[in-house]
Amino acid sequence: MSTLLKALKSALGDKVKDVRLSRRLTESPSCLVADQHDIGGNLARILRSAGQKVPAAAPILEINPTHAIVTRLKPDDARFADWAALLYDQALLAEGGQLDDPAGYVKRANSLMLALVAD
């Protein structure tokens, strides 16, 4: 599992501070959490909308090690970076965030779904 965590961190680069296993997730494959001393995503959005400056901080991606999507992830898969980005984007949407590239998300999700149907 440590190989998967390292591969996800590498694929996501500076979008995340770290990738770790979650003990809180039961149905979702992933979620974003703030580090201990960082501001969470919702609070950061509230402060920005009020015109406040918010220090930049990358979230931590937590993954559910028992979720079917996560258990099927293979770091050597040619589409691994797309799967990593999809997990991150879904976690961002689930916490109420906005995607930097919604069209890219849709294209990536459609491409991955088509690949699954074709298999």
PDB file of N, CA and C in Angstrom:
ATOM      1  N   MET A   1       0.826  -1.193   0.000  1.00  0.00           N
ATOM      2  CA  MET A   1       0.000   0.000   0.000  1.00  0.00           C
ATOM      3  C   MET A   1       0.874   1.262   0.000  1.00  0.00           C
ATOM      4  N   SER A   2       2.059   1.180   0.586  1.00  0.00           N
ATOM      5  CA  SER A   2       2.936   2.357   0.607  1.00  0.00           C
ATOM      6  C   SER A   2       3.375   2.741  -0.800  1.00  0.00           C
ATOM      7  N   THR A   3       3.512   1.753  -1.685  1.00  0.00           N
ATOM      8  CA  THR A   3       3.865   2.043  -3.079  1.00  0.00           C
ATOM      9  C   THR A   3       2.752   2.845  -3.743  1.00  0.00           C
ATOM     10  N   LEU A   4       1.511   2.483  -3.477  1.00  0.00           N
ATOM     11  CA  LEU A   4       0.370   3.197  -4.031  1.00  0.00           C
ATOM     12  C   LEU A   4       0.323   4.628  -3.509  1.00  0.00           C
ATOM     13  N   LEU A   5       0.536   4.816  -2.222  1.00  0.00           N
ATOM     14  CA  LEU A   5       0.513   6.161  -1.633  1.00  0.00           C
ATOM     15  C   LEU A   5       1.586   7.048  -2.268  1.00  0.00           C
ATOM     16  N   LYS A   6       2.783   6.500  -2.428  1.00  0.00           N
ATOM     17  CA  LYS A   6       3.873   7.262  -3.045  1.00  0.00           C
ATOM     18  C   LYS A   6       3.561   7.591  -4.506  1.00  0.00           C
ATOM     19  N   ALA A   7       2.980   6.634  -5.217  1.00  0.00           N
ATOM     20  CA  ALA A   7       2.639   6.860  -6.624  1.00  0.00           C
ATOM     21  C   ALA A   7       1.549   7.927  -6.764  1.00  0.00           C
ATOM     22  N   LEU A   8       0.554   7.909  -5.877  1.00  0.00           N
ATOM     23  CA  LEU A   8      -0.491   8.936  -5.910  1.00  0.00           C
ATOM     24  C   LEU A   8       0.103  10.304  -5.615  1.00  0.00           C
ATOM     25  N   LYS A   9       0.968  10.391  -4.610  1.00  0.00           N
ATOM     26  CA  LYS A   9       1.608  11.662  -4.272  1.00  0.00           C
ATOM     27  C   LYS A   9       2.415  12.179  -5.448  1.00  0.00           C
ATOM     28  N   SER A  10       3.134  11.299  -6.103  1.00  0.00           N
ATOM     29  CA  SER A  10       3.938  11.691  -7.258  1.00  0.00           C
ATOM     30  C   SER A  10       3.054  12.158  -8.414  1.00  0.00           C
ATOM     31  N   ALA A  11       1.965  11.452  -8.663  1.00  0.00           N
ATOM     32  CA  ALA A  11       1.067  11.807  -9.759  1.00  0.00           C
ATOM     33  C   ALA A  11       0.369  13.146  -9.518  1.00  0.00           C
ATOM     34  N   LEU A  12       0.060  13.444  -8.273  1.00  0.00           N
ATOM     35  CA  LEU A  12      -0.658  14.681  -7.947  1.00  0.00           C
ATOM     36  C   LEU A  12       0.278  15.862  -7.709  1.00  0.00           C
ATOM     37  N   GLY A  13       1.530  15.589  -7.466  1.00  0.00           N
ATOM     38  CA  GLY A  13       2.514  16.660  -7.305  1.00  0.00           C
ATOM     39  C   GLY A  13       2.161  17.645  -6.204  1.00  0.00           C
ATOM     40  N   ASP A  14       2.228  18.938  -6.518  1.00  0.00           N
ATOM     41  CA  ASP A  14       2.015  19.957  -5.494  1.00  0.00           C
ATOM     42  C   ASP A  14       0.537  20.274  -5.236  1.00  0.00           C
ATOM     43  N   LYS A  15      -0.366  19.519  -5.840  1.00  0.00           N
ATOM     44  CA  LYS A  15      -1.791  19.684  -5.519  1.00  0.00           C
ATOM     45  C   LYS A  15      -2.083  19.234  -4.089  1.00  0.00           C
ATOM     46  N   VAL A  16      -1.257  18.284  -3.602  1.00  0.00           N
ATOM     47  CA  VAL A  16      -1.459  17.748  -2.256  1.00  0.00           C
ATOM     48  C   VAL A  16      -0.171  17.832  -1.447  1.00  0.00           C
ATOM     49  N   LYS A  17      -0.349  18.003  -0.157  1.00  0.00           N
ATOM     50  CA  LYS A  17       0.795  17.996   0.757  1.00  0.00           C
ATOM     51  C   LYS A  17       1.262  16.575   0.994  1.00  0.00           C
ATOM     52  N   ASP A  18       0.291  15.645   1.048  1.00  0.00           N
ATOM     53  CA  ASP A  18       0.607  14.246   1.311  1.00  0.00           C
ATOM     54  C   ASP A  18      -0.584  13.390   0.893  1.00  0.00           C
ATOM     55  N   VAL A  19      -0.355  12.093   0.821  1.00  0.00           N
ATOM     56  CA  VAL A  19      -1.417  11.116   0.582  1.00  0.00           C
ATOM     57  C   VAL A  19      -1.279  10.079   1.681  1.00  0.00           C
ATOM     58  N   ARG A  20      -2.398   9.774   2.324  1.00  0.00           N
ATOM     59  CA  ARG A  20      -2.350   8.789   3.402  1.00  0.00           C
ATOM     60  C   ARG A  20      -3.642   7.977   3.441  1.00  0.00           C
ATOM     61  N   LEU A  21      -3.595   6.888   4.191  1.00  0.00           N
ATOM     62  CA  LEU A  21      -4.770   6.044   4.352  1.00  0.00           C
ATOM     63  C   LEU A  21      -5.744   6.708   5.313  1.00  0.00           C
ATOM     64  N   SER A  22      -7.014   6.503   5.061  1.00  0.00           N
ATOM     65  CA  SER A  22      -8.055   7.074   5.909  1.00  0.00           C
ATOM     66  C   SER A  22      -8.658   5.998   6.795  1.00  0.00           C
ATOM     67  N   ARG A  23      -8.970   6.385   8.004  1.00  0.00           N
ATOM     68  CA  ARG A  23      -9.698   5.499   8.915  1.00  0.00           C
ATOM     69  C   ARG A  23     -11.152   5.939   9.022  1.00  0.00           C
ATOM     70  N   ARG A  24     -11.464   7.120   8.449  1.00  0.00           N
ATOM     71  CA  ARG A  24     -12.805   7.678   8.587  1.00  0.00           C
ATOM     72  C   ARG A  24     -13.736   7.333   7.429  1.00  0.00           C
ATOM     73  N   LEU A  25     -13.187   7.051   6.247  1.00  0.00           N
ATOM     74  CA  LEU A  25     -14.018   6.811   5.069  1.00  0.00           C
ATOM     75  C   LEU A  25     -14.585   5.398   5.068  1.00  0.00           C
ATOM     76  N   THR A  26     -15.870   5.301   4.717  1.00  0.00           N
ATOM     77  CA  THR A  26     -16.503   3.991   4.618  1.00  0.00           C
ATOM     78  C   THR A  26     -17.063   3.742   3.226  1.00  0.00           C
ATOM     79  N   GLU A  27     -17.590   4.778   2.566  1.00  0.00           N
ATOM     80  CA  GLU A  27     -18.192   4.608   1.247  1.00  0.00           C
ATOM     81  C   GLU A  27     -17.440   5.342   0.143  1.00  0.00           C
ATOM     82  N   SER A  28     -16.822   6.457   0.455  1.00  0.00           N
ATOM     83  CA  SER A  28     -16.108   7.254  -0.545  1.00  0.00           C
ATOM     84  C   SER A  28     -14.695   6.720  -0.740  1.00  0.00           C
ATOM     85  N   PRO A  29     -14.172   6.864  -1.962  1.00  0.00           N
ATOM     86  CA  PRO A  29     -12.796   6.400  -2.189  1.00  0.00           C
ATOM     87  C   PRO A  29     -11.745   7.357  -1.640  1.00  0.00           C
ATOM     88  N   SER A  30     -12.093   8.660  -1.517  1.00  0.00           N
ATOM     89  CA  SER A  30     -11.087   9.626  -1.062  1.00  0.00           C
ATOM     90  C   SER A  30     -11.743  10.862  -0.480  1.00  0.00           C
ATOM     91  N   CYS A  31     -10.951  11.615   0.272  1.00  0.00           N
ATOM     92  CA  CYS A  31     -11.387  12.907   0.800  1.00  0.00           C
ATOM     93  C   CYS A  31     -10.157  13.792   0.977  1.00  0.00           C
ATOM     94  N   LEU A  32     -10.409  15.089   1.075  1.00  0.00           N
ATOM     95  CA  LEU A  32      -9.340  16.045   1.331  1.00  0.00           C
ATOM     96  C   LEU A  32      -9.458  16.544   2.759  1.00  0.00           C
ATOM     97  N   VAL A  33      -8.337  16.616   3.442  1.00  0.00           N
ATOM     98  CA  VAL A  33      -8.308  17.124   4.811  1.00  0.00           C
ATOM     99  C   VAL A  33      -7.172  18.131   4.932  1.00  0.00           C
ATOM    100  N   ALA A  34      -7.331  19.039   5.855  1.00  0.00           N
ATOM    101  CA  ALA A  34      -6.280  20.018   6.117  1.00  0.00           C
ATOM    102  C   ALA A  34      -5.277  19.414   7.092  1.00  0.00           C
ATOM    103  N   ASP A  35      -4.031  19.824   6.958  1.00  0.00           N
ATOM    104  CA  ASP A  35      -3.015  19.419   7.914  1.00  0.00           C
ATOM    105  C   ASP A  35      -3.348  20.056   9.254  1.00  0.00           C
ATOM    106  N   GLN A  36      -2.748  19.595  10.295  1.00  0.00           N
ATOM    107  CA  GLN A  36      -3.067  20.011  11.660  1.00  0.00           C
ATOM    108  C   GLN A  36      -3.087  21.531  11.849  1.00  0.00           C
ATOM    109  N   HIS A  37      -2.165  22.257  11.247  1.00  0.00           N
ATOM    110  CA  HIS A  37      -2.077  23.700  11.471  1.00  0.00           C
ATOM    111  C   HIS A  37      -2.539  24.524  10.266  1.00  0.00           C
ATOM    112  N   ASP A  38      -3.157  23.872   9.279  1.00  0.00           N
ATOM    113  CA  ASP A  38      -3.630  24.575   8.086  1.00  0.00           C
ATOM    114  C   ASP A  38      -5.127  24.858   8.189  1.00  0.00           C
ATOM    115  N   ILE A  39      -5.569  25.811   7.404  1.00  0.00           N
ATOM    116  CA  ILE A  39      -6.989  26.148   7.330  1.00  0.00           C
ATOM    117  C   ILE A  39      -7.665  25.160   6.379  1.00  0.00           C
ATOM    118  N   GLY A  40      -8.835  24.656   6.760  1.00  0.00           N
ATOM    119  CA  GLY A  40      -9.587  23.734   5.915  1.00  0.00           C
ATOM    120  C   GLY A  40     -10.146  24.429   4.680  1.00  0.00           C
ATOM    121  N   GLY A  41     -10.543  23.633   3.702  1.00  0.00           N
ATOM    122  CA  GLY A  41     -11.041  24.151   2.438  1.00  0.00           C
ATOM    123  C   GLY A  41     -12.261  25.044   2.575  1.00  0.00           C
ATOM    124  N   ASN A  42     -13.222  24.639   3.398  1.00  0.00           N
ATOM    125  CA  ASN A  42     -14.443  25.441   3.557  1.00  0.00           C
ATOM    126  C   ASN A  42     -14.149  26.786   4.211  1.00  0.00           C
ATOM    127  N   LEU A  43     -13.356  26.779   5.258  1.00  0.00           N
ATOM    128  CA  LEU A  43     -13.012  28.038   5.924  1.00  0.00           C
ATOM    129  C   LEU A  43     -12.219  28.945   4.988  1.00  0.00           C
ATOM    130  N   ALA A  44     -11.313  28.376   4.216  1.00  0.00           N
ATOM    131  CA  ALA A  44     -10.530  29.168   3.265  1.00  0.00           C
ATOM    132  C   ALA A  44     -11.441  29.840   2.241  1.00  0.00           C
ATOM    133  N   ARG A  45     -12.449  29.111   1.744  1.00  0.00           N
ATOM    134  CA  ARG A  45     -13.387  29.697   0.776  1.00  0.00           C
ATOM    135  C   ARG A  45     -14.204  30.829   1.410  1.00  0.00           C
ATOM    136  N   ILE A  46     -14.613  30.654   2.641  1.00  0.00           N
ATOM    137  CA  ILE A  46     -15.384  31.693   3.345  1.00  0.00           C
ATOM    138  C   ILE A  46     -14.532  32.948   3.520  1.00  0.00           C
ATOM    139  N   LEU A  47     -13.296  32.769   3.958  1.00  0.00           N
ATOM    140  CA  LEU A  47     -12.406  33.913   4.162  1.00  0.00           C
ATOM    141  C   LEU A  47     -12.114  34.634   2.843  1.00  0.00           C
ATOM    142  N   ARG A  48     -11.881  33.871   1.775  1.00  0.00           N
ATOM    143  CA  ARG A  48     -11.632  34.494   0.466  1.00  0.00           C
ATOM    144  C   ARG A  48     -12.841  35.289  -0.007  1.00  0.00           C
ATOM    145  N   SER A  49     -14.032  34.745   0.195  1.00  0.00           N
ATOM    146  CA  SER A  49     -15.244  35.449  -0.249  1.00  0.00           C
ATOM    147  C   SER A  49     -15.482  36.711   0.564  1.00  0.00           C
ATOM    148  N   ALA A  50     -14.925  36.771   1.762  1.00  0.00           N
ATOM    149  CA  ALA A  50     -15.038  37.962   2.603  1.00  0.00           C
ATOM    150  C   ALA A  50     -13.892  38.933   2.338  1.00  0.00           C
ATOM    151  N   GLY A  51     -13.065  38.621   1.340  1.00  0.00           N
ATOM    152  CA  GLY A  51     -11.972  39.515   0.979  1.00  0.00           C
ATOM    153  C   GLY A  51     -10.719  39.352   1.820  1.00  0.00           C
ATOM    154  N   GLN A  52     -10.652  38.300   2.607  1.00  0.00           N
ATOM    155  CA  GLN A  52      -9.488  38.057   3.458  1.00  0.00           C
ATOM    156  C   GLN A  52      -8.410  37.305   2.684  1.00  0.00           C
ATOM    157  N   LYS A  53      -7.177  37.567   3.032  1.00  0.00           N
ATOM    158  CA  LYS A  53      -6.069  36.805   2.449  1.00  0.00           C
ATOM    159  C   LYS A  53      -5.952  35.481   3.192  1.00  0.00           C
ATOM    160  N   VAL A  54      -5.782  34.440   2.417  1.00  0.00           N
ATOM    161  CA  VAL A  54      -5.670  33.106   2.992  1.00  0.00           C
ATOM    162  C   VAL A  54      -4.329  32.515   2.566  1.00  0.00           C
ATOM    163  N   PRO A  55      -3.536  32.063   3.526  1.00  0.00           N
ATOM    164  CA  PRO A  55      -2.255  31.469   3.148  1.00  0.00           C
ATOM    165  C   PRO A  55      -2.476  30.200   2.326  1.00  0.00           C
ATOM    166  N   ALA A  56      -1.676  30.054   1.290  1.00  0.00           N
ATOM    167  CA  ALA A  56      -1.788  28.876   0.432  1.00  0.00           C
ATOM    168  C   ALA A  56      -1.326  27.645   1.199  1.00  0.00           C
ATOM    169  N   ALA A  57      -2.139  26.604   1.151  1.00  0.00           N
ATOM    170  CA  ALA A  57      -1.791  25.343   1.800  1.00  0.00           C
ATOM    171  C   ALA A  57      -2.422  24.208   1.012  1.00  0.00           C
ATOM    172  N   ALA A  58      -1.620  23.266   0.609  1.00  0.00           N
ATOM    173  CA  ALA A  58      -2.135  22.107  -0.112  1.00  0.00           C
ATOM    174  C   ALA A  58      -2.793  21.152   0.883  1.00  0.00           C
ATOM    175  N   PRO A  59      -3.911  20.549   0.500  1.00  0.00           N
ATOM    176  CA  PRO A  59      -4.577  19.604   1.394  1.00  0.00           C
ATOM    177  C   PRO A  59      -3.879  18.243   1.385  1.00  0.00           C
ATOM    178  N   ILE A  60      -4.313  17.396   2.266  1.00  0.00           N
ATOM    179  CA  ILE A  60      -3.863  16.008   2.324  1.00  0.00           C
ATOM    180  C   ILE A  60      -4.972  15.159   1.708  1.00  0.00           C
ATOM    181  N   LEU A  61      -4.615  14.288   0.780  1.00  0.00           N
ATOM    182  CA  LEU A  61      -5.581  13.365   0.192  1.00  0.00           C
ATOM    183  C   LEU A  61      -5.577  12.103   1.033  1.00  0.00           C
ATOM    184  N   GLU A  62      -6.732  11.764   1.584  1.00  0.00           N
ATOM    185  CA  GLU A  62      -6.872  10.509   2.304  1.00  0.00           C
ATOM    186  C   GLU A  62      -7.629   9.549   1.399  1.00  0.00           C
ATOM    187  N   ILE A  63      -7.152   8.320   1.327  1.00  0.00           N
ATOM    188  CA  ILE A  63      -7.829   7.321   0.507  1.00  0.00           C
ATOM    189  C   ILE A  63      -8.348   6.183   1.381  1.00  0.00           C
ATOM    190  N   ASN A  64      -9.454   5.624   0.939  1.00  0.00           N
ATOM    191  CA  ASN A  64     -10.099   4.515   1.621  1.00  0.00           C
ATOM    192  C   ASN A  64      -9.492   3.212   1.091  1.00  0.00           C
ATOM    193  N   PRO A  65      -8.681   2.526   1.881  1.00  0.00           N
ATOM    194  CA  PRO A  65      -7.968   1.355   1.374  1.00  0.00           C
ATOM    195  C   PRO A  65      -8.875   0.173   1.037  1.00  0.00           C
ATOM    196  N   THR A  66     -10.140   0.202   1.470  1.00  0.00           N
ATOM    197  CA  THR A  66     -11.042  -0.907   1.181  1.00  0.00           C
ATOM    198  C   THR A  66     -12.016  -0.599   0.047  1.00  0.00           C
ATOM    199  N   HIS A  67     -11.977   0.614  -0.490  1.00  0.00           N
ATOM    200  CA  HIS A  67     -12.888   0.967  -1.572  1.00  0.00           C
ATOM    201  C   HIS A  67     -12.471   0.248  -2.855  1.00  0.00           C
ATOM    202  N   ALA A  68     -13.455  -0.199  -3.638  1.00  0.00           N
ATOM    203  CA  ALA A  68     -13.184  -0.975  -4.853  1.00  0.00           C
ATOM    204  C   ALA A  68     -12.300  -0.222  -5.848  1.00  0.00           C
ATOM    205  N   ILE A  69     -12.495   1.075  -5.975  1.00  0.00           N
ATOM    206  CA  ILE A  69     -11.657   1.847  -6.905  1.00  0.00           C
ATOM    207  C   ILE A  69     -10.207   1.840  -6.435  1.00  0.00           C
ATOM    208  N   VAL A  70     -10.000   2.075  -5.164  1.00  0.00           N
ATOM    209  CA  VAL A  70      -8.644   2.144  -4.611  1.00  0.00           C
ATOM    210  C   VAL A  70      -7.952   0.791  -4.678  1.00  0.00           C
ATOM    211  N   THR A  71      -8.673  -0.274  -4.381  1.00  0.00           N
ATOM    212  CA  THR A  71      -8.036  -1.601  -4.398  1.00  0.00           C
ATOM    213  C   THR A  71      -7.627  -2.023  -5.807  1.00  0.00           C
ATOM    214  N   ARG A  72      -8.245  -1.431  -6.827  1.00  0.00           N
ATOM    215  CA  ARG A  72      -7.909  -1.779  -8.214  1.00  0.00           C
ATOM    216  C   ARG A  72      -6.858  -0.875  -8.839  1.00  0.00           C
ATOM    217  N   LEU A  73      -6.453   0.164  -8.139  1.00  0.00           N
ATOM    218  CA  LEU A  73      -5.440   1.074  -8.680  1.00  0.00           C
ATOM    219  C   LEU A  73      -4.091   0.372  -8.781  1.00  0.00           C
ATOM    220  N   LYS A  74      -3.465   0.527  -9.924  1.00  0.00           N
ATOM    221  CA  LYS A  74      -2.137  -0.052 -10.162  1.00  0.00           C
ATOM    222  C   LYS A  74      -1.203   1.067 -10.614  1.00  0.00           C
ATOM    223  N   PRO A  75      -0.158   1.367  -9.830  1.00  0.00           N
ATOM    224  CA  PRO A  75       0.763   2.448 -10.198  1.00  0.00           C
ATOM    225  C   PRO A  75       1.401   2.293 -11.571  1.00  0.00           C
ATOM    226  N   ASP A  76       1.504   1.067 -12.083  1.00  0.00           N
ATOM    227  CA  ASP A  76       2.119   0.871 -13.397  1.00  0.00           C
ATOM    228  C   ASP A  76       1.105   0.941 -14.542  1.00  0.00           C
ATOM    229  N   ASP A  77      -0.155   1.205 -14.219  1.00  0.00           N
ATOM    230  CA  ASP A  77      -1.199   1.361 -15.242  1.00  0.00           C
ATOM    231  C   ASP A  77      -0.932   2.644 -16.035  1.00  0.00           C
ATOM    232  N   ALA A  78      -1.088   2.583 -17.343  1.00  0.00           N
ATOM    233  CA  ALA A  78      -0.853   3.750 -18.202  1.00  0.00           C
ATOM    234  C   ALA A  78      -1.796   4.902 -17.859  1.00  0.00           C
ATOM    235  N   ARG A  79      -2.948   4.620 -17.290  1.00  0.00           N
ATOM    236  CA  ARG A  79      -3.936   5.656 -16.955  1.00  0.00           C
ATOM    237  C   ARG A  79      -3.902   6.047 -15.470  1.00  0.00           C
ATOM    238  N   PHE A  80      -2.856   5.636 -14.759  1.00  0.00           N
ATOM    239  CA  PHE A  80      -2.787   5.874 -13.316  1.00  0.00           C
ATOM    240  C   PHE A  80      -2.906   7.359 -12.964  1.00  0.00           C
ATOM    241  N   ALA A  81      -2.226   8.223 -13.691  1.00  0.00           N
ATOM    242  CA  ALA A  81      -2.276   9.664 -13.396  1.00  0.00           C
ATOM    243  C   ALA A  81      -3.698  10.203 -13.557  1.00  0.00           C
ATOM    244  N   ASP A  82      -4.438   9.672 -14.536  1.00  0.00           N
ATOM    245  CA  ASP A  82      -5.837  10.085 -14.707  1.00  0.00           C
ATOM    246  C   ASP A  82      -6.690   9.634 -13.529  1.00  0.00           C
ATOM    247  N   TRP A  83      -6.461   8.408 -13.071  1.00  0.00           N
ATOM    248  CA  TRP A  83      -7.204   7.916 -11.905  1.00  0.00           C
ATOM    249  C   TRP A  83      -6.879   8.739 -10.662  1.00  0.00           C
ATOM    250  N   ALA A  84      -5.615   9.070 -10.472  1.00  0.00           N
ATOM    251  CA  ALA A  84      -5.206   9.886  -9.324  1.00  0.00           C
ATOM    252  C   ALA A  84      -5.895  11.248  -9.379  1.00  0.00           C
ATOM    253  N   ALA A  85      -5.891  11.875 -10.557  1.00  0.00           N
ATOM    254  CA  ALA A  85      -6.534  13.185 -10.714  1.00  0.00           C
ATOM    255  C   ALA A  85      -8.036  13.082 -10.471  1.00  0.00           C
ATOM    256  N   LEU A  86      -8.652  11.994 -10.918  1.00  0.00           N
ATOM    257  CA  LEU A  86     -10.088  11.801 -10.707  1.00  0.00           C
ATOM    258  C   LEU A  86     -10.405  11.675  -9.213  1.00  0.00           C
ATOM    259  N   LEU A  87      -9.601  10.919  -8.478  1.00  0.00           N
ATOM    260  CA  LEU A  87      -9.807  10.795  -7.028  1.00  0.00           C
ATOM    261  C   LEU A  87      -9.683  12.151  -6.340  1.00  0.00           C
ATOM    262  N   TYR A  88      -8.680  12.909  -6.737  1.00  0.00           N
ATOM    263  CA  TYR A  88      -8.482  14.242  -6.151  1.00  0.00           C
ATOM    264  C   TYR A  88      -9.664  15.158  -6.485  1.00  0.00           C
ATOM    265  N   ASP A  89     -10.050  15.203  -7.752  1.00  0.00           N
ATOM    266  CA  ASP A  89     -11.139  16.095  -8.164  1.00  0.00           C
ATOM    267  C   ASP A  89     -12.458  15.729  -7.497  1.00  0.00           C
ATOM    268  N   GLN A  90     -12.748  14.425  -7.364  1.00  0.00           N
ATOM    269  CA  GLN A  90     -13.972  14.009  -6.690  1.00  0.00           C
ATOM    270  C   GLN A  90     -13.955  14.421  -5.222  1.00  0.00           C
ATOM    271  N   ALA A  91     -12.809  14.279  -4.578  1.00  0.00           N
ATOM    272  CA  ALA A  91     -12.692  14.675  -3.183  1.00  0.00           C
ATOM    273  C   ALA A  91     -12.877  16.188  -3.042  1.00  0.00           C
ATOM    274  N   LEU A  92     -12.333  16.946  -3.980  1.00  0.00           N
ATOM    275  CA  LEU A  92     -12.483  18.394  -3.968  1.00  0.00           C
ATOM    276  C   LEU A  92     -13.951  18.788  -4.131  1.00  0.00           C
ATOM    277  N   LEU A  93     -14.636  18.156  -5.070  1.00  0.00           N
ATOM    278  CA  LEU A  93     -16.061  18.444  -5.272  1.00  0.00           C
ATOM    279  C   LEU A  93     -16.887  18.050  -4.048  1.00  0.00           C
ATOM    280  N   ALA A  94     -16.562  16.921  -3.436  1.00  0.00           N
ATOM    281  CA  ALA A  94     -17.312  16.442  -2.275  1.00  0.00           C
ATOM    282  C   ALA A  94     -17.203  17.396  -1.087  1.00  0.00           C
ATOM    283  N   GLU A  95     -16.094  18.106  -0.981  1.00  0.00           N
ATOM    284  CA  GLU A  95     -15.946  19.051   0.128  1.00  0.00           C
ATOM    285  C   GLU A  95     -16.482  20.438  -0.211  1.00  0.00           C
ATOM    286  N   GLY A  96     -17.052  20.585  -1.418  1.00  0.00           N
ATOM    287  CA  GLY A  96     -17.642  21.859  -1.799  1.00  0.00           C
ATOM    288  C   GLY A  96     -16.722  22.763  -2.587  1.00  0.00           C
ATOM    289  N   GLY A  97     -15.573  22.252  -2.999  1.00  0.00           N
ATOM    290  CA  GLY A  97     -14.626  23.050  -3.765  1.00  0.00           C
ATOM    291  C   GLY A  97     -15.001  23.145  -5.233  1.00  0.00           C
ATOM    292  N   GLN A  98     -14.257  23.954  -5.960  1.00  0.00           N
ATOM    293  CA  GLN A  98     -14.469  24.118  -7.389  1.00  0.00           C
ATOM    294  C   GLN A  98     -13.241  23.619  -8.142  1.00  0.00           C
ATOM    295  N   LEU A  99     -13.501  22.974  -9.257  1.00  0.00           N
ATOM    296  CA  LEU A  99     -12.417  22.441 -10.077  1.00  0.00           C
ATOM    297  C   LEU A  99     -11.744  23.555 -10.863  1.00  0.00           C
ATOM    298  N   ASP A 100     -10.434  23.463 -11.008  1.00  0.00           N
ATOM    299  CA  ASP A 100      -9.699  24.409 -11.849  1.00  0.00           C
ATOM    300  C   ASP A 100     -10.044  24.205 -13.314  1.00  0.00           C
ATOM    301  N   ASP A 101     -10.302  22.960 -13.707  1.00  0.00           N
ATOM    302  CA  ASP A 101     -10.563  22.621 -15.104  1.00  0.00           C
ATOM    303  C   ASP A 101     -11.745  21.648 -15.196  1.00  0.00           C
ATOM    304  N   PRO A 102     -12.988  22.152 -15.081  1.00  0.00           N
ATOM    305  CA  PRO A 102     -14.145  21.253 -15.138  1.00  0.00           C
ATOM    306  C   PRO A 102     -14.225  20.444 -16.433  1.00  0.00           C
ATOM    307  N   ALA A 103     -13.892  21.063 -17.572  1.00  0.00           N
ATOM    308  CA  ALA A 103     -13.946  20.348 -18.849  1.00  0.00           C
ATOM    309  C   ALA A 103     -12.928  19.201 -18.866  1.00  0.00           C
ATOM    310  N   GLY A 104     -11.753  19.431 -18.297  1.00  0.00           N
ATOM    311  CA  GLY A 104     -10.742  18.381 -18.209  1.00  0.00           C
ATOM    312  C   GLY A 104     -11.205  17.231 -17.335  1.00  0.00           C
ATOM    313  N   TYR A 105     -11.899  17.554 -16.251  1.00  0.00           N
ATOM    314  CA  TYR A 105     -12.448  16.530 -15.358  1.00  0.00           C
ATOM    315  C   TYR A 105     -13.452  15.656 -16.112  1.00  0.00           C
ATOM    316  N   VAL A 106     -14.371  16.293 -16.823  1.00  0.00           N
ATOM    317  CA  VAL A 106     -15.389  15.551 -17.562  1.00  0.00           C
ATOM    318  C   VAL A 106     -14.743  14.679 -18.638  1.00  0.00           C
ATOM    319  N   LYS A 107     -13.787  15.237 -19.360  1.00  0.00           N
ATOM    320  CA  LYS A 107     -13.096  14.478 -20.405  1.00  0.00           C
ATOM    321  C   LYS A 107     -12.376  13.273 -19.813  1.00  0.00           C
ATOM    322  N   ARG A 108     -11.681  13.482 -18.703  1.00  0.00           N
ATOM    323  CA  ARG A 108     -10.940  12.402 -18.044  1.00  0.00           C
ATOM    324  C   ARG A 108     -11.905  11.332 -17.521  1.00  0.00           C
ATOM    325  N   ALA A 109     -12.982  11.739 -16.870  1.00  0.00           N
ATOM    326  CA  ALA A 109     -13.952  10.784 -16.337  1.00  0.00           C
ATOM    327  C   ALA A 109     -14.594   9.972 -17.464  1.00  0.00           C
ATOM    328  N   ASN A 110     -14.983  10.644 -18.539  1.00  0.00           N
ATOM    329  CA  ASN A 110     -15.592   9.934 -19.669  1.00  0.00           C
ATOM    330  C   ASN A 110     -14.621   8.944 -20.300  1.00  0.00           C
ATOM    331  N   SER A 111     -13.375   9.356 -20.456  1.00  0.00           N
ATOM    332  CA  SER A 111     -12.363   8.485 -21.041  1.00  0.00           C
ATOM    333  C   SER A 111     -12.134   7.244 -20.173  1.00  0.00           C
ATOM    334  N   LEU A 112     -12.062   7.429 -18.873  1.00  0.00           N
ATOM    335  CA  LEU A 112     -11.842   6.292 -17.967  1.00  0.00           C
ATOM    336  C   LEU A 112     -13.054   5.372 -17.961  1.00  0.00           C
ATOM    337  N   MET A 113     -14.254   5.930 -17.983  1.00  0.00           N
ATOM    338  CA  MET A 113     -15.460   5.091 -18.012  1.00  0.00           C
ATOM    339  C   MET A 113     -15.538   4.307 -19.324  1.00  0.00           C
ATOM    340  N   LEU A 114     -15.232   4.948 -20.433  1.00  0.00           N
ATOM    341  CA  LEU A 114     -15.245   4.245 -21.721  1.00  0.00           C
ATOM    342  C   LEU A 114     -14.233   3.102 -21.748  1.00  0.00           C
ATOM    343  N   ALA A 115     -13.070   3.335 -21.163  1.00  0.00           N
ATOM    344  CA  ALA A 115     -12.053   2.280 -21.103  1.00  0.00           C
ATOM    345  C   ALA A 115     -12.548   1.080 -20.285  1.00  0.00           C
ATOM    346  N   LEU A 116     -13.299   1.345 -19.218  1.00  0.00           N
ATOM    347  CA  LEU A 116     -13.836   0.249 -18.395  1.00  0.00           C
ATOM    348  C   LEU A 116     -14.913  -0.526 -19.145  1.00  0.00           C
ATOM    349  N   VAL A 117     -15.750   0.190 -19.884  1.00  0.00           N
ATOM    350  CA  VAL A 117     -16.828  -0.467 -20.619  1.00  0.00           C
ATOM    351  C   VAL A 117     -16.265  -1.321 -21.760  1.00  0.00           C
ATOM    352  N   ALA A 118     -15.168  -0.859 -22.349  1.00  0.00           N
ATOM    353  CA  ALA A 118     -14.560  -1.566 -23.481  1.00  0.00           C
ATOM    354  C   ALA A 118     -13.863  -2.848 -23.057  1.00  0.00           C
ATOM    355  N   ASP A 119     -13.473  -2.929 -21.790  1.00  0.00           N
ATOM    356  CA  ASP A 119     -12.748  -4.133 -21.310  1.00  0.00           C
ATOM    357  C   ASP A 119     -13.634  -5.335 -21.165  1.00  0.00           C
TER     358      ASP A 119
END
